[in-house]
Amino acid sequence: MFRILFQRAKCIGCNGCVEAAPMRWQVSKKDGRCNLVEGKEKKGIYQVLAGMDEFALNQQAAANCPVKIIRLEVVKAKHQP
């Protein structure tokens, strides 16, 4: 798994993330900024856990962002007894 972190307040609505990973990103009709699908906001940062099958597309979404407000973090699995 990996976590997507997104600083929506700094989004300029370029749509680069939506073009790369449309299943995870959408443009808001209200303000033109992008939304992280299923993202939960905490202290201005939206985040969501996603499966590794989405990693490459979201890596491209982060690379496409001209203001560099999308970050990906690989989450290590917890060992179960």
C-alpha atoms as a PDB file:
ATOM      1  CA  MET A   1       0.000   0.000   0.000  1.00  0.00           C
ATOM      2  CA  PHE A   2       0.915   3.612  -0.316  1.00  0.00           C
ATOM      3  CA  ARG A   3      -0.435   6.922   0.917  1.00  0.00           C
ATOM      4  CA  ILE A   4      -1.214   9.885  -1.322  1.00  0.00           C
ATOM      5  CA  LEU A   5      -0.823  13.287   0.349  1.00  0.00           C
ATOM      6  CA  PHE A   6      -2.236  16.392  -1.336  1.00  0.00           C
ATOM      7  CA  GLN A   7      -2.140  20.095  -0.365  1.00  0.00           C
ATOM      8  CA  ARG A   8      -5.398  21.167  -2.006  1.00  0.00           C
ATOM      9  CA  ALA A   9      -5.195  24.832  -0.920  1.00  0.00           C
ATOM     10  CA  LYS A  10      -2.128  25.256  -3.153  1.00  0.00           C
ATOM     11  CA  CYS A  11      -3.739  23.563  -6.189  1.00  0.00           C
ATOM     12  CA  ILE A  12      -3.848  25.695  -9.352  1.00  0.00           C
ATOM     13  CA  GLY A  13      -6.244  23.353 -11.189  1.00  0.00           C
ATOM     14  CA  CYS A  14      -3.930  22.445 -14.057  1.00  0.00           C
ATOM     15  CA  ASN A  15      -5.619  19.027 -14.411  1.00  0.00           C
ATOM     16  CA  GLY A  16      -2.316  17.125 -14.771  1.00  0.00           C
ATOM     17  CA  CYS A  17      -3.195  14.708 -11.975  1.00  0.00           C
ATOM     18  CA  VAL A  18      -6.627  13.988 -13.478  1.00  0.00           C
ATOM     19  CA  GLU A  19      -5.081  13.201 -16.862  1.00  0.00           C
ATOM     20  CA  ALA A  20      -2.616  10.754 -15.287  1.00  0.00           C
ATOM     21  CA  ALA A  21      -4.928   8.993 -12.793  1.00  0.00           C
ATOM     22  CA  PRO A  22      -8.607   9.826 -13.414  1.00  0.00           C
ATOM     23  CA  MET A  23      -9.822   7.123 -11.023  1.00  0.00           C
ATOM     24  CA  ARG A  24      -8.130   8.948  -8.121  1.00  0.00           C
ATOM     25  CA  TRP A  25      -8.403  12.642  -9.143  1.00  0.00           C
ATOM     26  CA  GLN A  26     -11.299  14.881 -10.209  1.00  0.00           C
ATOM     27  CA  VAL A  27     -11.689  18.578 -10.967  1.00  0.00           C
ATOM     28  CA  SER A  28     -14.111  20.419  -8.681  1.00  0.00           C
ATOM     29  CA  LYS A  29     -16.952  22.170 -10.491  1.00  0.00           C
ATOM     30  CA  LYS A  30     -17.142  24.647  -7.580  1.00  0.00           C
ATOM     31  CA  ASP A  31     -13.650  26.132  -7.634  1.00  0.00           C
ATOM     32  CA  GLY A  32     -11.702  24.441 -10.459  1.00  0.00           C
ATOM     33  CA  ARG A  33      -9.178  22.864  -8.106  1.00  0.00           C
ATOM     34  CA  CYS A  34      -8.555  19.143  -8.089  1.00  0.00           C
ATOM     35  CA  ASN A  35      -9.957  16.735  -5.515  1.00  0.00           C
ATOM     36  CA  LEU A  36      -8.341  13.555  -4.251  1.00  0.00           C
ATOM     37  CA  VAL A  37     -11.065  10.909  -4.562  1.00  0.00           C
ATOM     38  CA  GLU A  38     -11.824   9.415  -1.105  1.00  0.00           C
ATOM     39  CA  GLY A  39      -9.230  11.746   0.445  1.00  0.00           C
ATOM     40  CA  LYS A  40      -9.727  12.745   4.075  1.00  0.00           C
ATOM     41  CA  GLU A  41      -8.560  16.187   5.197  1.00  0.00           C
ATOM     42  CA  LYS A  42      -6.418  16.714   8.286  1.00  0.00           C
ATOM     43  CA  LYS A  43      -4.733  20.065   8.945  1.00  0.00           C
ATOM     44  CA  GLY A  44      -5.027  21.123   5.304  1.00  0.00           C
ATOM     45  CA  ILE A  45      -3.544  17.913   3.900  1.00  0.00           C
ATOM     46  CA  TYR A  46      -5.803  15.449   2.111  1.00  0.00           C
ATOM     47  CA  GLN A  47      -4.699  11.824   2.210  1.00  0.00           C
ATOM     48  CA  VAL A  48      -5.840   8.377   1.220  1.00  0.00           C
ATOM     49  CA  LEU A  49      -4.388   4.869   1.250  1.00  0.00           C
ATOM     50  CA  ALA A  50      -4.273   3.122  -2.131  1.00  0.00           C
ATOM     51  CA  GLY A  51      -3.144  -0.227  -3.482  1.00  0.00           C
ATOM     52  CA  MET A  52       0.163  -0.595  -5.279  1.00  0.00           C
ATOM     53  CA  ASP A  53      -1.743  -1.220  -8.535  1.00  0.00           C
ATOM     54  CA  GLU A  54      -2.367   2.563  -8.578  1.00  0.00           C
ATOM     55  CA  PHE A  55       1.192   3.585  -7.721  1.00  0.00           C
ATOM     56  CA  ALA A  56       2.600   4.172 -11.219  1.00  0.00           C
ATOM     57  CA  LEU A  57      -0.348   6.310 -12.346  1.00  0.00           C
ATOM     58  CA  ASN A  58      -0.236   8.430  -9.205  1.00  0.00           C
ATOM     59  CA  GLN A  59       3.521   8.760  -9.495  1.00  0.00           C
ATOM     60  CA  GLN A  60       2.841  10.287 -12.928  1.00  0.00           C
ATOM     61  CA  ALA A  61       0.132  12.505 -11.392  1.00  0.00           C
ATOM     62  CA  ALA A  62       2.672  13.817  -8.874  1.00  0.00           C
ATOM     63  CA  ALA A  63       5.240  14.371 -11.630  1.00  0.00           C
ATOM     64  CA  ASN A  64       2.660  16.273 -13.712  1.00  0.00           C
ATOM     65  CA  CYS A  65       1.876  18.698 -10.868  1.00  0.00           C
ATOM     66  CA  PRO A  66       3.652  22.014 -11.614  1.00  0.00           C
ATOM     67  CA  VAL A  67       3.342  23.202  -8.000  1.00  0.00           C
ATOM     68  CA  LYS A  68       4.561  19.862  -6.533  1.00  0.00           C
ATOM     69  CA  ILE A  69       1.782  19.452  -3.955  1.00  0.00           C
ATOM     70  CA  ILE A  70       1.242  15.700  -4.410  1.00  0.00           C
ATOM     71  CA  ARG A  71       3.438  13.328  -2.433  1.00  0.00           C
ATOM     72  CA  LEU A  72       3.443   9.526  -2.285  1.00  0.00           C
ATOM     73  CA  GLU A  73       4.618   7.452   0.681  1.00  0.00           C
ATOM     74  CA  VAL A  74       4.939   3.676   0.590  1.00  0.00           C
ATOM     75  CA  VAL A  75       3.353   2.163   3.718  1.00  0.00           C
ATOM     76  CA  LYS A  76       5.057  -0.866   5.185  1.00  0.00           C
ATOM     77  CA  ALA A  77       2.721  -3.709   6.100  1.00  0.00           C
ATOM     78  CA  LYS A  78       2.425  -4.514   9.785  1.00  0.00           C
ATOM     79  CA  HIS A  79       3.398  -8.050  10.710  1.00  0.00           C
ATOM     80  CA  GLN A  80       0.551 -10.078  12.137  1.00  0.00           C
ATOM     81  CA  PRO A  81       1.214 -12.834  14.687  1.00  0.00           C
END
